Protein backbone atom coordinates (compact mmCIF):
# COMPACT_ATOMS: atom_id res chain seq x y z
CA UNK A 1 -56.01 -33.13 35.41
CA UNK A 2 -55.30 -34.38 38.92
CA UNK A 3 -55.01 -37.93 40.18
CA UNK A 4 -57.28 -39.32 42.89
CA UNK A 5 -54.54 -41.31 44.57
CA UNK A 6 -54.05 -40.78 48.29
CA UNK A 7 -50.83 -40.74 50.30
CA UNK A 8 -52.69 -42.01 53.38
CA UNK A 9 -53.87 -45.65 53.27
CA UNK A 10 -57.06 -44.82 55.22
CA UNK A 11 -60.29 -44.70 53.23
CA UNK A 12 -61.70 -41.17 52.98
CA UNK A 13 -65.20 -40.13 51.89
CA UNK A 14 -66.63 -36.66 51.31
CA UNK A 15 -70.43 -36.42 51.56
CA UNK A 16 -71.93 -33.29 49.97
CA UNK A 17 -75.52 -32.37 50.89
CA UNK A 18 -77.04 -29.12 52.16
CA UNK A 19 -79.69 -30.79 54.36
CA UNK A 20 -78.16 -31.16 57.82
CA UNK A 21 -80.38 -34.05 58.97
CA UNK A 22 -79.93 -36.00 55.75
CA UNK A 23 -76.20 -35.35 55.88
CA UNK A 24 -75.97 -36.59 59.45
CA UNK A 25 -78.05 -39.68 58.68
CA UNK A 26 -76.04 -40.55 55.57
CA UNK A 27 -72.75 -40.26 57.42
CA UNK A 28 -74.03 -42.39 60.31
CA UNK A 29 -75.28 -45.14 58.02
CA UNK A 30 -72.11 -45.19 55.95
CA UNK A 31 -69.96 -45.31 59.07
CA UNK A 32 -71.79 -48.47 60.17
CA UNK A 33 -70.63 -50.23 57.00
CA UNK A 34 -67.28 -48.52 56.41
CA UNK A 35 -66.09 -48.58 60.01
CA UNK A 36 -62.48 -47.62 59.24
CA UNK A 37 -63.34 -44.80 56.83
CA UNK A 38 -62.81 -41.13 57.62
CA UNK A 39 -66.03 -39.43 56.49
CA UNK A 40 -66.11 -35.65 56.06
CA UNK A 41 -69.01 -33.45 55.00
CA UNK A 42 -69.70 -30.34 52.93
CA UNK A 43 -72.92 -28.38 52.42
CA UNK A 44 -72.00 -26.25 49.41
CA UNK A 45 -69.70 -25.88 46.43
CA UNK A 46 -67.50 -23.54 48.44
CA UNK A 47 -67.05 -26.03 51.27
CA UNK A 48 -66.40 -28.84 48.79
CA UNK A 49 -63.55 -26.95 47.16
CA UNK A 50 -62.14 -25.98 50.57
CA UNK A 51 -61.99 -29.64 51.56
CA UNK A 52 -60.45 -30.75 48.27
CA UNK A 53 -57.74 -28.10 48.60
CA UNK A 54 -56.62 -29.87 51.77
CA UNK A 55 -57.26 -33.54 51.02
CA UNK A 56 -58.46 -35.70 48.16
CA UNK A 57 -60.93 -38.45 49.14
CA UNK A 58 -61.34 -41.90 47.67
CA UNK A 59 -64.94 -41.11 46.88
CA UNK A 60 -67.42 -38.20 46.84
CA UNK A 61 -71.09 -38.83 47.56
CA UNK A 62 -72.81 -35.87 45.94
CA UNK A 63 -76.35 -34.54 46.08
CA UNK A 64 -77.05 -32.60 42.89
CA UNK A 65 -79.23 -29.96 44.55
CA UNK A 66 -76.76 -27.84 46.52
CA UNK A 67 -75.96 -24.12 46.94
CA UNK A 68 -72.86 -22.24 45.89
CA UNK A 69 -72.25 -21.03 49.45
CA UNK A 70 -73.46 -22.23 52.87
CA UNK A 71 -77.04 -21.11 53.44
CA UNK A 72 -77.59 -20.25 49.78
CA UNK A 73 -80.33 -21.45 47.44
CA UNK A 74 -79.86 -25.08 46.43
CA UNK A 75 -80.20 -25.76 42.69
CA UNK A 76 -79.50 -28.83 40.59
CA UNK A 77 -77.63 -26.73 38.02
CA UNK A 78 -75.10 -25.88 40.74
CA UNK A 79 -74.49 -29.52 41.57
CA UNK A 80 -74.21 -30.49 37.92
CA UNK A 81 -71.65 -27.77 37.24
CA UNK A 82 -69.64 -28.83 40.30
CA UNK A 83 -69.74 -32.45 39.17
CA UNK A 84 -68.57 -31.58 35.65
CA UNK A 85 -65.74 -29.48 37.04
CA UNK A 86 -64.60 -32.18 39.45
CA UNK A 87 -64.68 -34.91 36.80
CA UNK A 88 -62.50 -32.77 34.58
CA UNK A 89 -60.05 -31.83 37.35
CA UNK A 90 -59.84 -35.23 39.05
CA UNK A 91 -60.01 -37.72 36.22
CA UNK A 92 -59.87 -40.86 38.39
CA UNK A 93 -61.90 -39.69 41.40
CA UNK A 94 -64.80 -41.98 42.30
CA UNK A 95 -68.34 -40.59 42.55
CA UNK A 96 -71.65 -41.82 43.89
CA UNK A 97 -74.49 -39.44 43.07
CA UNK A 98 -76.94 -39.65 45.98
CA UNK A 99 -79.85 -37.44 44.98
CA UNK A 100 -83.56 -37.11 44.34
CA UNK A 101 -82.70 -35.60 40.94
CA UNK A 102 -80.65 -38.34 39.30
CA UNK A 103 -82.47 -37.90 35.97
CA UNK A 104 -80.75 -34.53 35.55
CA UNK A 105 -77.57 -36.47 34.77
CA UNK A 106 -78.89 -37.04 31.23
CA UNK A 107 -77.60 -33.54 30.43
CA UNK A 108 -73.95 -34.46 31.08
CA UNK A 109 -73.83 -37.95 29.57
CA UNK A 110 -70.67 -37.14 27.60
CA UNK A 111 -68.74 -36.13 30.71
CA UNK A 112 -69.88 -39.26 32.55
CA UNK A 113 -68.86 -41.53 29.67
CA UNK A 114 -65.41 -39.94 29.52
CA UNK A 115 -64.73 -40.06 33.25
CA UNK A 116 -62.05 -42.56 34.27
CA UNK A 117 -63.11 -43.08 37.91
CA UNK A 118 -65.97 -45.09 39.33
CA UNK A 119 -69.42 -43.55 38.84
CA UNK A 120 -72.63 -44.86 40.36
CA UNK A 121 -76.07 -43.38 40.93
CA UNK A 122 -78.39 -43.76 43.93
CA UNK A 123 -81.86 -42.31 44.33
CA UNK A 124 -82.44 -41.09 47.89
CA UNK A 125 -85.41 -43.44 48.12
CA UNK A 126 -83.14 -46.47 47.77
CA UNK A 127 -82.26 -48.57 50.82
CA UNK A 128 -79.00 -48.14 52.68
CA UNK A 129 -77.95 -51.62 51.56
CA UNK A 130 -78.37 -50.61 47.92
CA UNK A 131 -76.51 -47.37 48.57
CA UNK A 132 -73.59 -49.19 50.17
CA UNK A 133 -73.50 -51.66 47.29
CA UNK A 134 -73.19 -48.85 44.77
CA UNK A 135 -70.59 -47.02 46.84
CA UNK A 136 -68.53 -50.21 46.78
CA UNK A 137 -69.00 -50.48 43.01
CA UNK A 138 -67.77 -46.93 42.56
CA UNK A 139 -64.73 -47.63 44.74
CA UNK A 140 -63.98 -50.53 42.40
CA UNK A 141 -64.02 -48.18 39.41
CA UNK A 142 -67.36 -49.42 38.11
CA UNK A 143 -69.74 -47.17 36.17
CA UNK A 144 -73.44 -47.92 36.84
CA UNK A 145 -76.06 -45.55 35.39
CA UNK A 146 -78.84 -48.03 34.68
CA UNK A 147 -81.44 -46.08 36.68
CA UNK A 148 -81.09 -42.91 34.64
CA UNK A 149 -83.86 -43.12 32.07
CA UNK A 150 -82.83 -41.84 28.69
CA UNK A 151 -79.10 -41.80 29.36
CA UNK A 152 -78.40 -44.47 26.75
CA UNK A 153 -81.06 -43.55 24.22
CA UNK A 154 -78.67 -41.79 21.90
CA UNK A 155 -80.86 -38.67 21.85
CA UNK A 156 -78.74 -35.57 21.33
CA UNK A 157 -80.19 -32.47 22.98
CA UNK A 158 -78.48 -29.24 22.02
CA UNK A 159 -77.76 -26.64 24.74
CA UNK A 160 -80.13 -24.10 23.21
CA UNK A 161 -82.98 -26.61 23.29
CA UNK A 162 -82.35 -27.23 26.98
CA UNK A 163 -82.29 -23.49 27.61
CA UNK A 164 -85.71 -23.16 25.98
CA UNK A 165 -87.01 -25.92 28.26
CA UNK A 166 -85.73 -24.21 31.38
CA UNK A 167 -87.04 -20.78 30.41
CA UNK A 168 -90.45 -22.15 29.46
CA UNK A 169 -91.11 -24.62 32.26
CA UNK A 170 -88.90 -23.53 35.14
CA UNK A 171 -89.26 -19.77 34.69
CA UNK A 172 -92.70 -19.78 33.04
CA UNK A 173 -91.74 -17.54 30.11
CA UNK A 174 -93.75 -17.33 26.89
CA UNK A 175 -92.17 -17.51 23.43
CA UNK A 176 -91.63 -13.75 23.05
CA UNK A 177 -89.89 -13.45 26.43
CA UNK A 178 -87.82 -16.57 25.72
CA UNK A 179 -86.74 -15.08 22.39
CA UNK A 180 -85.70 -11.82 24.04
CA UNK A 181 -83.77 -13.65 26.75
CA UNK A 182 -81.91 -15.79 24.21
CA UNK A 183 -81.52 -12.98 21.65
CA UNK A 184 -83.24 -14.99 18.93
CA UNK A 185 -86.52 -14.66 17.04
CA UNK A 186 -89.79 -16.17 18.24
CA UNK A 187 -89.70 -18.30 15.10
CA UNK A 188 -86.41 -19.76 16.25
CA UNK A 189 -87.88 -20.53 19.68
CA UNK A 190 -90.73 -22.42 18.01
CA UNK A 191 -88.20 -24.27 15.86
CA UNK A 192 -86.31 -25.31 19.00
CA UNK A 193 -89.55 -26.67 20.46
CA UNK A 194 -90.19 -28.64 17.27
CA UNK A 195 -86.69 -30.13 17.39
CA UNK A 196 -87.14 -30.98 21.08
CA UNK A 197 -90.45 -32.70 20.48
CA UNK A 198 -88.95 -34.76 17.68
CA UNK A 199 -85.95 -35.74 19.83
CA UNK A 200 -88.22 -36.70 22.74
CA UNK A 201 -90.64 -38.60 20.52
CA UNK A 202 -93.59 -36.29 21.14
CA UNK A 203 -95.95 -35.94 18.18
CA UNK A 204 -99.44 -34.45 17.68
CA UNK A 205 -101.07 -37.79 16.94
CA UNK A 206 -99.98 -39.11 20.33
CA UNK A 207 -101.78 -36.42 22.34
CA UNK A 208 -105.31 -37.48 21.24
CA UNK A 209 -106.63 -33.97 21.87
CA UNK A 210 -106.45 -34.50 25.64
CA UNK A 211 -103.36 -32.39 26.25
CA UNK A 212 -101.57 -29.88 24.06
CA UNK A 213 -98.17 -30.56 22.56
CA UNK A 214 -96.35 -27.87 24.57
CA UNK A 215 -97.66 -29.21 27.89
CA UNK A 216 -96.75 -32.77 26.89
CA UNK A 217 -93.22 -31.59 26.14
CA UNK A 218 -92.88 -30.24 29.67
CA UNK A 219 -94.24 -33.44 31.20
CA UNK A 220 -91.85 -35.61 29.17
CA UNK A 221 -88.88 -33.34 29.94
CA UNK A 222 -89.54 -33.59 33.69
CA UNK A 223 -89.85 -37.37 33.51
CA UNK A 224 -86.48 -37.51 31.78
CA UNK A 225 -84.95 -35.21 34.36
CA UNK A 226 -84.17 -32.43 31.91
CA UNK A 227 -85.90 -29.82 34.09
CA UNK A 228 -86.87 -29.58 37.76
């Protein structure tokens, strides 16, 4: 693992977001508060790594929905994988997640808990004052994940359960197609759904006949940020 210490005394930020206008606005607002900071930008995983090869910042402000390469399709899975990789490589690097998809962080709770640097979370709907406050907290090494619903519930969601969720509700696959994609039986897919519903606290008696159990699972999963 690499250290996040800098040779230069000047504060350095890296803001990662693939929306040019949002990126420009975020940098401008941050510069008003951190007047002495050098703020650089990246719009993809590729550009982020290119910057880190040259210089390590004090803090990365990361949107979770980003593309692998400039101009590519932005996906939250890409941002989550980048975040996991960076937390493993730079064990004391500070992060502020500035995203509309903060609930997706529930899928990497273990990595967040083990990270030694500051880690704060900001929804893009929050005010600039709140954003700056949380950036400062992260720079102080503080971890603040209060706004992520479900992060501290103790619910353990296995990777195969999450894959079923994504295939069913993000790709619209039925049980047979899910089973073929995962190389399991349809019975196993149904078992995974049962385990998911139990973990999420979704039971037949709670639906009152107004909505089926499968649909309720998708609604609950989206609310928890498990799927887009």
